[in-house]
Amino acid sequence: MVLTTLTKEKAKEIKKDVLEQKLAVCVLELDSNSMFLWKGKIQEEKEVLLVFKTKNELTKRLIKRLKQIHPYDIPFIGILNVKANEEYLAWADEEINKN
């Protein structure tokens, strides 16, 4: 799974782009209130956390694409290695490999 945060305005566009490119099989969007340091000051933003469910072999391509289309100067892009049930993985393979 690959994670990133951003403002809600750009989230739908990014989710659609990644799915059209078949770099993920599903994208979860979770609302969040973020507080962070930016240029030495504490900032607060309403953001969303996007969770991209993808295959290990697509992770590098997904990260490269996110860097190209992400609206932030320095986006957070994280990776979580998780195990999923075999039926889900088979479905994901089938969807990603469809033309």
PDB file of N, CA and C in Angstrom:
ATOM      1  N   MET A   1       0.849  -1.167   0.000  1.00  0.00           N
ATOM      2  CA  MET A   1       0.000   0.000   0.000  1.00  0.00           C
ATOM      3  C   MET A   1       0.895   1.231   0.000  1.00  0.00           C
ATOM      4  N   VAL A   2       0.462   2.221  -0.732  1.00  0.00           N
ATOM      5  CA  VAL A   2       1.176   3.495  -0.811  1.00  0.00           C
ATOM      6  C   VAL A   2       0.247   4.564  -0.258  1.00  0.00           C
ATOM      7  N   LEU A   3       0.791   5.462   0.549  1.00  0.00           N
ATOM      8  CA  LEU A   3       0.014   6.512   1.199  1.00  0.00           C
ATOM      9  C   LEU A   3       0.502   7.883   0.768  1.00  0.00           C
ATOM     10  N   THR A   4      -0.433   8.823   0.688  1.00  0.00           N
ATOM     11  CA  THR A   4      -0.065  10.222   0.509  1.00  0.00           C
ATOM     12  C   THR A   4      -1.163  11.092   1.104  1.00  0.00           C
ATOM     13  N   THR A   5      -0.815  12.318   1.436  1.00  0.00           N
ATOM     14  CA  THR A   5      -1.794  13.277   1.943  1.00  0.00           C
ATOM     15  C   THR A   5      -1.818  14.490   1.019  1.00  0.00           C
ATOM     16  N   LEU A   6      -2.999  15.107   0.925  1.00  0.00           N
ATOM     17  CA  LEU A   6      -3.159  16.295   0.108  1.00  0.00           C
ATOM     18  C   LEU A   6      -4.525  16.902   0.400  1.00  0.00           C
ATOM     19  N   THR A   7      -4.778  18.075  -0.163  1.00  0.00           N
ATOM     20  CA  THR A   7      -6.080  18.704   0.025  1.00  0.00           C
ATOM     21  C   THR A   7      -7.126  17.981  -0.826  1.00  0.00           C
ATOM     22  N   LYS A   8      -8.356  18.035  -0.383  1.00  0.00           N
ATOM     23  CA  LYS A   8      -9.456  17.307  -1.021  1.00  0.00           C
ATOM     24  C   LYS A   8      -9.666  17.718  -2.482  1.00  0.00           C
ATOM     25  N   GLU A   9      -9.400  18.972  -2.803  1.00  0.00           N
ATOM     26  CA  GLU A   9      -9.657  19.477  -4.158  1.00  0.00           C
ATOM     27  C   GLU A   9      -8.939  18.664  -5.237  1.00  0.00           C
ATOM     28  N   LYS A  10      -7.755  18.210  -4.979  1.00  0.00           N
ATOM     29  CA  LYS A  10      -6.958  17.501  -5.978  1.00  0.00           C
ATOM     30  C   LYS A  10      -7.094  15.972  -5.877  1.00  0.00           C
ATOM     31  N   ALA A  11      -7.677  15.484  -4.790  1.00  0.00           N
ATOM     32  CA  ALA A  11      -7.702  14.043  -4.516  1.00  0.00           C
ATOM     33  C   ALA A  11      -8.425  13.244  -5.598  1.00  0.00           C
ATOM     34  N   LYS A  12      -9.606  13.688  -6.021  1.00  0.00           N
ATOM     35  CA  LYS A  12     -10.371  12.925  -7.008  1.00  0.00           C
ATOM     36  C   LYS A  12      -9.605  12.781  -8.319  1.00  0.00           C
ATOM     37  N   GLU A  13      -8.975  13.850  -8.739  1.00  0.00           N
ATOM     38  CA  GLU A  13      -8.181  13.827  -9.983  1.00  0.00           C
ATOM     39  C   GLU A  13      -7.036  12.821  -9.877  1.00  0.00           C
ATOM     40  N   ILE A  14      -6.358  12.812  -8.754  1.00  0.00           N
ATOM     41  CA  ILE A  14      -5.226  11.898  -8.561  1.00  0.00           C
ATOM     42  C   ILE A  14      -5.704  10.455  -8.488  1.00  0.00           C
ATOM     43  N   LYS A  15      -6.792  10.208  -7.766  1.00  0.00           N
ATOM     44  CA  LYS A  15      -7.330   8.846  -7.682  1.00  0.00           C
ATOM     45  C   LYS A  15      -7.686   8.324  -9.073  1.00  0.00           C
ATOM     46  N   LYS A  16      -8.377   9.136  -9.849  1.00  0.00           N
ATOM     47  CA  LYS A  16      -8.794   8.718 -11.192  1.00  0.00           C
ATOM     48  C   LYS A  16      -7.586   8.461 -12.087  1.00  0.00           C
ATOM     49  N   ASP A  17      -6.614   9.330 -12.054  1.00  0.00           N
ATOM     50  CA  ASP A  17      -5.405   9.184 -12.870  1.00  0.00           C
ATOM     51  C   ASP A  17      -4.701   7.859 -12.559  1.00  0.00           C
ATOM     52  N   VAL A  18      -4.501   7.586 -11.283  1.00  0.00           N
ATOM     53  CA  VAL A  18      -3.781   6.371 -10.879  1.00  0.00           C
ATOM     54  C   VAL A  18      -4.551   5.116 -11.293  1.00  0.00           C
ATOM     55  N   LEU A  19      -5.874   5.128 -11.129  1.00  0.00           N
ATOM     56  CA  LEU A  19      -6.672   3.974 -11.537  1.00  0.00           C
ATOM     57  C   LEU A  19      -6.676   3.807 -13.056  1.00  0.00           C
ATOM     58  N   GLU A  20      -6.768   4.899 -13.795  1.00  0.00           N
ATOM     59  CA  GLU A  20      -6.722   4.808 -15.261  1.00  0.00           C
ATOM     60  C   GLU A  20      -5.384   4.266 -15.747  1.00  0.00           C
ATOM     61  N   GLN A  21      -4.315   4.612 -15.056  1.00  0.00           N
ATOM     62  CA  GLN A  21      -2.980   4.123 -15.405  1.00  0.00           C
ATOM     63  C   GLN A  21      -2.755   2.682 -14.939  1.00  0.00           C
ATOM     64  N   LYS A  22      -3.723   2.148 -14.178  1.00  0.00           N
ATOM     65  CA  LYS A  22      -3.655   0.799 -13.599  1.00  0.00           C
ATOM     66  C   LYS A  22      -2.422   0.623 -12.718  1.00  0.00           C
ATOM     67  N   LEU A  23      -2.145   1.661 -11.936  1.00  0.00           N
ATOM     68  CA  LEU A  23      -1.037   1.614 -10.981  1.00  0.00           C
ATOM     69  C   LEU A  23      -1.515   1.197  -9.596  1.00  0.00           C
ATOM     70  N   ALA A  24      -2.827   1.107  -9.425  1.00  0.00           N
ATOM     71  CA  ALA A  24      -3.440   0.620  -8.198  1.00  0.00           C
ATOM     72  C   ALA A  24      -4.786   0.018  -8.570  1.00  0.00           C
ATOM     73  N   VAL A  25      -5.290  -0.839  -7.704  1.00  0.00           N
ATOM     74  CA  VAL A  25      -6.582  -1.470  -7.959  1.00  0.00           C
ATOM     75  C   VAL A  25      -7.694  -0.792  -7.167  1.00  0.00           C
ATOM     76  N   CYS A  26      -7.332  -0.036  -6.131  1.00  0.00           N
ATOM     77  CA  CYS A  26      -8.302   0.633  -5.275  1.00  0.00           C
ATOM     78  C   CYS A  26      -7.609   1.799  -4.578  1.00  0.00           C
ATOM     79  N   VAL A  27      -8.370   2.866  -4.316  1.00  0.00           N
ATOM     80  CA  VAL A  27      -7.829   4.004  -3.568  1.00  0.00           C
ATOM     81  C   VAL A  27      -8.844   4.388  -2.492  1.00  0.00           C
ATOM     82  N   LEU A  28      -8.409   4.355  -1.253  1.00  0.00           N
ATOM     83  CA  LEU A  28      -9.245   4.787  -0.138  1.00  0.00           C
ATOM     84  C   LEU A  28      -8.957   6.246   0.150  1.00  0.00           C
ATOM     85  N   GLU A  29      -9.994   6.999   0.490  1.00  0.00           N
ATOM     86  CA  GLU A  29      -9.829   8.406   0.856  1.00  0.00           C
ATOM     87  C   GLU A  29     -10.379   8.599   2.267  1.00  0.00           C
ATOM     88  N   LEU A  30      -9.519   9.063   3.167  1.00  0.00           N
ATOM     89  CA  LEU A  30      -9.899   9.281   4.560  1.00  0.00           C
ATOM     90  C   LEU A  30      -9.680  10.740   4.920  1.00  0.00           C
ATOM     91  N   ASP A  31     -10.703  11.382   5.465  1.00  0.00           N
ATOM     92  CA  ASP A  31     -10.575  12.775   5.896  1.00  0.00           C
ATOM     93  C   ASP A  31      -9.661  12.883   7.100  1.00  0.00           C
ATOM     94  N   SER A  32      -8.899  13.967   7.157  1.00  0.00           N
ATOM     95  CA  SER A  32      -8.008  14.184   8.302  1.00  0.00           C
ATOM     96  C   SER A  32      -7.823  15.683   8.546  1.00  0.00           C
ATOM     97  N   ASN A  33      -7.460  15.991   9.746  1.00  0.00           N
ATOM     98  CA  ASN A  33      -7.049  17.339  10.110  1.00  0.00           C
ATOM     99  C   ASN A  33      -5.569  17.258  10.428  1.00  0.00           C
ATOM    100  N   SER A  34      -4.762  17.881   9.628  1.00  0.00           N
ATOM    101  CA  SER A  34      -3.317  17.772   9.771  1.00  0.00           C
ATOM    102  C   SER A  34      -2.727  19.023  10.407  1.00  0.00           C
ATOM    103  N   MET A  35      -1.742  18.811  11.256  1.00  0.00           N
ATOM    104  CA  MET A  35      -0.951  19.897  11.815  1.00  0.00           C
ATOM    105  C   MET A  35       0.508  19.525  11.564  1.00  0.00           C
ATOM    106  N   PHE A  36       1.273  20.480  11.019  1.00  0.00           N
ATOM    107  CA  PHE A  36       2.639  20.168  10.598  1.00  0.00           C
ATOM    108  C   PHE A  36       3.497  21.423  10.619  1.00  0.00           C
ATOM    109  N   LEU A  37       4.786  21.196  10.579  1.00  0.00           N
ATOM    110  CA  LEU A  37       5.731  22.302  10.465  1.00  0.00           C
ATOM    111  C   LEU A  37       5.991  22.586   8.992  1.00  0.00           C
ATOM    112  N   TRP A  38       5.933  23.859   8.610  1.00  0.00           N
ATOM    113  CA  TRP A  38       6.254  24.265   7.241  1.00  0.00           C
ATOM    114  C   TRP A  38       6.961  25.610   7.306  1.00  0.00           C
ATOM    115  N   LYS A  39       8.205  25.607   6.844  1.00  0.00           N
ATOM    116  CA  LYS A  39       9.035  26.808   6.839  1.00  0.00           C
ATOM    117  C   LYS A  39       9.106  27.439   8.231  1.00  0.00           C
ATOM    118  N   GLY A  40       9.272  26.571   9.244  1.00  0.00           N
ATOM    119  CA  GLY A  40       9.482  27.024  10.615  1.00  0.00           C
ATOM    120  C   GLY A  40       8.246  27.407  11.388  1.00  0.00           C
ATOM    121  N   LYS A  41       7.072  27.241  10.784  1.00  0.00           N
ATOM    122  CA  LYS A  41       5.832  27.624  11.465  1.00  0.00           C
ATOM    123  C   LYS A  41       4.876  26.439  11.522  1.00  0.00           C
ATOM    124  N   ILE A  42       4.049  26.413  12.552  1.00  0.00           N
ATOM    125  CA  ILE A  42       3.033  25.382  12.662  1.00  0.00           C
ATOM    126  C   ILE A  42       1.859  25.746  11.764  1.00  0.00           C
ATOM    127  N   GLN A  43       1.487  24.813  10.908  1.00  0.00           N
ATOM    128  CA  GLN A  43       0.373  24.989   9.976  1.00  0.00           C
ATOM    129  C   GLN A  43      -0.706  23.963  10.300  1.00  0.00           C
ATOM    130  N   GLU A  44      -1.938  24.300   9.954  1.00  0.00           N
ATOM    131  CA  GLU A  44      -3.043  23.365  10.118  1.00  0.00           C
ATOM    132  C   GLU A  44      -3.856  23.353   8.834  1.00  0.00           C
ATOM    133  N   GLU A  45      -4.185  22.162   8.349  1.00  0.00           N
ATOM    134  CA  GLU A  45      -4.918  22.002   7.089  1.00  0.00           C
ATOM    135  C   GLU A  45      -5.929  20.880   7.211  1.00  0.00           C
ATOM    136  N   LYS A  46      -7.030  21.018   6.513  1.00  0.00           N
ATOM    137  CA  LYS A  46      -7.920  19.885   6.292  1.00  0.00           C
ATOM    138  C   LYS A  46      -7.340  19.164   5.085  1.00  0.00           C
ATOM    139  N   GLU A  47      -7.015  17.910   5.260  1.00  0.00           N
ATOM    140  CA  GLU A  47      -6.436  17.115   4.187  1.00  0.00           C
ATOM    141  C   GLU A  47      -7.194  15.802   4.078  1.00  0.00           C
ATOM    142  N   VAL A  48      -6.832  15.033   3.067  1.00  0.00           N
ATOM    143  CA  VAL A  48      -7.276  13.650   2.974  1.00  0.00           C
ATOM    144  C   VAL A  48      -6.039  12.767   2.901  1.00  0.00           C
ATOM    145  N   LEU A  49      -6.179  11.581   3.439  1.00  0.00           N
ATOM    146  CA  LEU A  49      -5.153  10.552   3.309  1.00  0.00           C
ATOM    147  C   LEU A  49      -5.629   9.616   2.217  1.00  0.00           C
ATOM    148  N   LEU A  50      -4.831   9.462   1.177  1.00  0.00           N
ATOM    149  CA  LEU A  50      -5.135   8.499   0.129  1.00  0.00           C
ATOM    150  C   LEU A  50      -4.310   7.249   0.371  1.00  0.00           C
ATOM    151  N   VAL A  51      -4.978   6.111   0.344  1.00  0.00           N
ATOM    152  CA  VAL A  51      -4.331   4.811   0.520  1.00  0.00           C
ATOM    153  C   VAL A  51      -4.514   4.052  -0.785  1.00  0.00           C
ATOM    154  N   PHE A  52      -3.418   3.830  -1.484  1.00  0.00           N
ATOM    155  CA  PHE A  52      -3.443   3.130  -2.766  1.00  0.00           C
ATOM    156  C   PHE A  52      -3.129   1.657  -2.538  1.00  0.00           C
ATOM    157  N   LYS A  53      -4.054   0.793  -2.928  1.00  0.00           N
ATOM    158  CA  LYS A  53      -3.821  -0.643  -2.855  1.00  0.00           C
ATOM    159  C   LYS A  53      -3.223  -1.046  -4.195  1.00  0.00           C
ATOM    160  N   THR A  54      -1.986  -1.532  -4.144  1.00  0.00           N
ATOM    161  CA  THR A  54      -1.274  -1.850  -5.373  1.00  0.00           C
ATOM    162  C   THR A  54      -0.425  -3.098  -5.185  1.00  0.00           C
ATOM    163  N   LYS A  55       0.194  -3.531  -6.260  1.00  0.00           N
ATOM    164  CA  LYS A  55       1.094  -4.678  -6.223  1.00  0.00           C
ATOM    165  C   LYS A  55       2.519  -4.184  -5.989  1.00  0.00           C
ATOM    166  N   ASN A  56       3.326  -5.007  -5.331  1.00  0.00           N
ATOM    167  CA  ASN A  56       4.717  -4.618  -5.043  1.00  0.00           C
ATOM    168  C   ASN A  56       5.453  -4.166  -6.294  1.00  0.00           C
ATOM    169  N   GLU A  57       5.254  -4.873  -7.396  1.00  0.00           N
ATOM    170  CA  GLU A  57       5.988  -4.546  -8.620  1.00  0.00           C
ATOM    171  C   GLU A  57       5.537  -3.240  -9.268  1.00  0.00           C
ATOM    172  N   LEU A  58       4.420  -2.676  -8.826  1.00  0.00           N
ATOM    173  CA  LEU A  58       3.952  -1.391  -9.365  1.00  0.00           C
ATOM    174  C   LEU A  58       4.301  -0.208  -8.474  1.00  0.00           C
ATOM    175  N   THR A  59       4.853  -0.476  -7.303  1.00  0.00           N
ATOM    176  CA  THR A  59       5.095   0.580  -6.318  1.00  0.00           C
ATOM    177  C   THR A  59       5.989   1.696  -6.856  1.00  0.00           C
ATOM    178  N   LYS A  60       7.089   1.364  -7.471  1.00  0.00           N
ATOM    179  CA  LYS A  60       8.008   2.398  -7.982  1.00  0.00           C
ATOM    180  C   LYS A  60       7.335   3.264  -9.044  1.00  0.00           C
ATOM    181  N   ARG A  61       6.586   2.642  -9.950  1.00  0.00           N
ATOM    182  CA  ARG A  61       5.887   3.408 -10.992  1.00  0.00           C
ATOM    183  C   ARG A  61       4.808   4.298 -10.390  1.00  0.00           C
ATOM    184  N   LEU A  62       4.112   3.792  -9.371  1.00  0.00           N
ATOM    185  CA  LEU A  62       3.086   4.581  -8.701  1.00  0.00           C
ATOM    186  C   LEU A  62       3.702   5.792  -8.018  1.00  0.00           C
ATOM    187  N   ILE A  63       4.791   5.591  -7.303  1.00  0.00           N
ATOM    188  CA  ILE A  63       5.465   6.704  -6.618  1.00  0.00           C
ATOM    189  C   ILE A  63       5.950   7.739  -7.630  1.00  0.00           C
ATOM    190  N   LYS A  64       6.521   7.289  -8.729  1.00  0.00           N
ATOM    191  CA  LYS A  64       6.982   8.216  -9.773  1.00  0.00           C
ATOM    192  C   LYS A  64       5.809   9.047 -10.300  1.00  0.00           C
ATOM    193  N   ARG A  65       4.667   8.400 -10.535  1.00  0.00           N
ATOM    194  CA  ARG A  65       3.498   9.114 -11.044  1.00  0.00           C
ATOM    195  C   ARG A  65       2.969  10.103 -10.013  1.00  0.00           C
ATOM    196  N   LEU A  66       2.905   9.692  -8.750  1.00  0.00           N
ATOM    197  CA  LEU A  66       2.444  10.606  -7.705  1.00  0.00           C
ATOM    198  C   LEU A  66       3.327  11.848  -7.624  1.00  0.00           C
ATOM    199  N   LYS A  67       4.621  11.676  -7.742  1.00  0.00           N
ATOM    200  CA  LYS A  67       5.530  12.828  -7.717  1.00  0.00           C
ATOM    201  C   LYS A  67       5.257  13.772  -8.892  1.00  0.00           C
ATOM    202  N   GLN A  68       4.848  13.234 -10.027  1.00  0.00           N
ATOM    203  CA  GLN A  68       4.565  14.056 -11.200  1.00  0.00           C
ATOM    204  C   GLN A  68       3.278  14.865 -11.048  1.00  0.00           C
ATOM    205  N   ILE A  69       2.260  14.294 -10.399  1.00  0.00           N
ATOM    206  CA  ILE A  69       0.945  14.927 -10.383  1.00  0.00           C
ATOM    207  C   ILE A  69       0.535  15.498  -9.025  1.00  0.00           C
ATOM    208  N   HIS A  70       1.333  15.281  -8.000  1.00  0.00           N
ATOM    209  CA  HIS A  70       0.985  15.763  -6.658  1.00  0.00           C
ATOM    210  C   HIS A  70       1.104  17.285  -6.594  1.00  0.00           C
ATOM    211  N   PRO A  71       0.143  17.955  -5.958  1.00  0.00           N
ATOM    212  CA  PRO A  71       0.177  19.426  -5.931  1.00  0.00           C
ATOM    213  C   PRO A  71       1.169  20.028  -4.922  1.00  0.00           C
ATOM    214  N   TYR A  72       1.672  19.248  -3.979  1.00  0.00           N
ATOM    215  CA  TYR A  72       2.570  19.785  -2.956  1.00  0.00           C
ATOM    216  C   TYR A  72       4.004  19.873  -3.461  1.00  0.00           C
ATOM    217  N   ASP A  73       4.743  20.873  -2.965  1.00  0.00           N
ATOM    218  CA  ASP A  73       6.168  21.009  -3.305  1.00  0.00           C
ATOM    219  C   ASP A  73       6.953  19.789  -2.825  1.00  0.00           C
ATOM    220  N   ILE A  74       6.662  19.359  -1.609  1.00  0.00           N
ATOM    221  CA  ILE A  74       7.343  18.198  -1.019  1.00  0.00           C
ATOM    222  C   ILE A  74       6.267  17.267  -0.470  1.00  0.00           C
ATOM    223  N   PRO A  75       5.727  16.377  -1.298  1.00  0.00           N
ATOM    224  CA  PRO A  75       4.651  15.515  -0.826  1.00  0.00           C
ATOM    225  C   PRO A  75       5.155  14.397   0.076  1.00  0.00           C
ATOM    226  N   PHE A  76       4.303  13.985   1.011  1.00  0.00           N
ATOM    227  CA  PHE A  76       4.557  12.761   1.767  1.00  0.00           C
ATOM    228  C   PHE A  76       4.079  11.605   0.916  1.00  0.00           C
ATOM    229  N   ILE A  77       4.951  10.645   0.688  1.00  0.00           N
ATOM    230  CA  ILE A  77       4.587   9.400   0.015  1.00  0.00           C
ATOM    231  C   ILE A  77       5.197   8.281   0.844  1.00  0.00           C
ATOM    232  N   GLY A  78       4.349   7.464   1.442  1.00  0.00           N
ATOM    233  CA  GLY A  78       4.816   6.381   2.305  1.00  0.00           C
ATOM    234  C   GLY A  78       4.438   5.027   1.733  1.00  0.00           C
ATOM    235  N   ILE A  79       5.144   4.002   2.175  1.00  0.00           N
ATOM    236  CA  ILE A  79       4.893   2.641   1.711  1.00  0.00           C
ATOM    237  C   ILE A  79       4.653   1.752   2.923  1.00  0.00           C
ATOM    238  N   LEU A  80       3.587   0.978   2.879  1.00  0.00           N
ATOM    239  CA  LEU A  80       3.311  -0.035   3.891  1.00  0.00           C
ATOM    240  C   LEU A  80       3.284  -1.390   3.198  1.00  0.00           C
ATOM    241  N   ASN A  81       4.095  -2.296   3.658  1.00  0.00           N
ATOM    242  CA  ASN A  81       4.064  -3.652   3.126  1.00  0.00           C
ATOM    243  C   ASN A  81       3.093  -4.468   3.970  1.00  0.00           C
ATOM    244  N   VAL A  82       2.024  -4.916   3.343  1.00  0.00           N
ATOM    245  CA  VAL A  82       1.005  -5.692   4.039  1.00  0.00           C
ATOM    246  C   VAL A  82       0.734  -6.981   3.271  1.00  0.00           C
ATOM    247  N   LYS A  83       0.200  -7.946   3.978  1.00  0.00           N
ATOM    248  CA  LYS A  83      -0.220  -9.189   3.332  1.00  0.00           C
ATOM    249  C   LYS A  83      -1.736  -9.155   3.217  1.00  0.00           C
ATOM    250  N   ALA A  84      -2.235  -9.641   2.097  1.00  0.00           N
ATOM    251  CA  ALA A  84      -3.678  -9.693   1.868  1.00  0.00           C
ATOM    252  C   ALA A  84      -4.073 -11.132   1.536  1.00  0.00           C
ATOM    253  N   ASN A  85      -5.367 -11.416   1.659  1.00  0.00           N
ATOM    254  CA  ASN A  85      -5.846 -12.758   1.339  1.00  0.00           C
ATOM    255  C   ASN A  85      -5.687 -13.051  -0.151  1.00  0.00           C
ATOM    256  N   GLU A  86      -5.508 -14.330  -0.466  1.00  0.00           N
ATOM    257  CA  GLU A  86      -5.207 -14.747  -1.833  1.00  0.00           C
ATOM    258  C   GLU A  86      -6.305 -14.376  -2.827  1.00  0.00           C
ATOM    259  N   GLU A  87      -7.573 -14.439  -2.406  1.00  0.00           N
ATOM    260  CA  GLU A  87      -8.675 -14.101  -3.304  1.00  0.00           C
ATOM    261  C   GLU A  87      -8.608 -12.632  -3.720  1.00  0.00           C
ATOM    262  N   TYR A  88      -8.289 -11.785  -2.763  1.00  0.00           N
ATOM    263  CA  TYR A  88      -8.177 -10.355  -3.067  1.00  0.00           C
ATOM    264  C   TYR A  88      -7.016 -10.107  -4.027  1.00  0.00           C
ATOM    265  N   LEU A  89      -5.889 -10.757  -3.771  1.00  0.00           N
ATOM    266  CA  LEU A  89      -4.719 -10.577  -4.633  1.00  0.00           C
ATOM    267  C   LEU A  89      -4.995 -11.071  -6.051  1.00  0.00           C
ATOM    268  N   ALA A  90      -5.723 -12.185  -6.175  1.00  0.00           N
ATOM    269  CA  ALA A  90      -6.071 -12.703  -7.504  1.00  0.00           C
ATOM    270  C   ALA A  90      -6.973 -11.708  -8.236  1.00  0.00           C
ATOM    271  N   TRP A  91      -7.951 -11.147  -7.515  1.00  0.00           N
ATOM    272  CA  TRP A  91      -8.828 -10.133  -8.112  1.00  0.00           C
ATOM    273  C   TRP A  91      -8.025  -8.913  -8.554  1.00  0.00           C
ATOM    274  N   ALA A  92      -7.104  -8.469  -7.707  1.00  0.00           N
ATOM    275  CA  ALA A  92      -6.278  -7.298  -8.034  1.00  0.00           C
ATOM    276  C   ALA A  92      -5.447  -7.560  -9.287  1.00  0.00           C
ATOM    277  N   ASP A  93      -4.833  -8.721  -9.369  1.00  0.00           N
ATOM    278  CA  ASP A  93      -4.057  -9.071 -10.561  1.00  0.00           C
ATOM    279  C   ASP A  93      -4.935  -9.031 -11.812  1.00  0.00           C
ATOM    280  N   GLU A  94      -6.119  -9.617 -11.707  1.00  0.00           N
ATOM    281  CA  GLU A  94      -7.024  -9.660 -12.851  1.00  0.00           C
ATOM    282  C   GLU A  94      -7.408  -8.252 -13.309  1.00  0.00           C
ATOM    283  N   GLU A  95      -7.757  -7.387 -12.379  1.00  0.00           N
ATOM    284  CA  GLU A  95      -8.172  -6.022 -12.726  1.00  0.00           C
ATOM    285  C   GLU A  95      -7.032  -5.212 -13.333  1.00  0.00           C
ATOM    286  N   ILE A  96      -5.874  -5.287 -12.734  1.00  0.00           N
ATOM    287  CA  ILE A  96      -4.732  -4.491 -13.200  1.00  0.00           C
ATOM    288  C   ILE A  96      -4.271  -4.969 -14.577  1.00  0.00           C
ATOM    289  N   ASN A  97      -4.423  -6.266 -14.847  1.00  0.00           N
ATOM    290  CA  ASN A  97      -3.950  -6.814 -16.116  1.00  0.00           C
ATOM    291  C   ASN A  97      -4.966  -6.750 -17.238  1.00  0.00           C
ATOM    292  N   LYS A  98      -6.210  -6.295 -16.967  1.00  0.00           N
ATOM    293  CA  LYS A  98      -7.215  -6.159 -18.031  1.00  0.00           C
ATOM    294  C   LYS A  98      -6.809  -5.022 -18.968  1.00  0.00           C
ATOM    295  N   ASN A  99      -7.110  -5.200 -20.234  1.00  0.00           N
ATOM    296  CA  ASN A  99      -6.816  -4.142 -21.218  1.00  0.00           C
ATOM    297  C   ASN A  99      -7.902  -3.137 -21.298  1.00  0.00           C
TER     298      ASN A  99
END
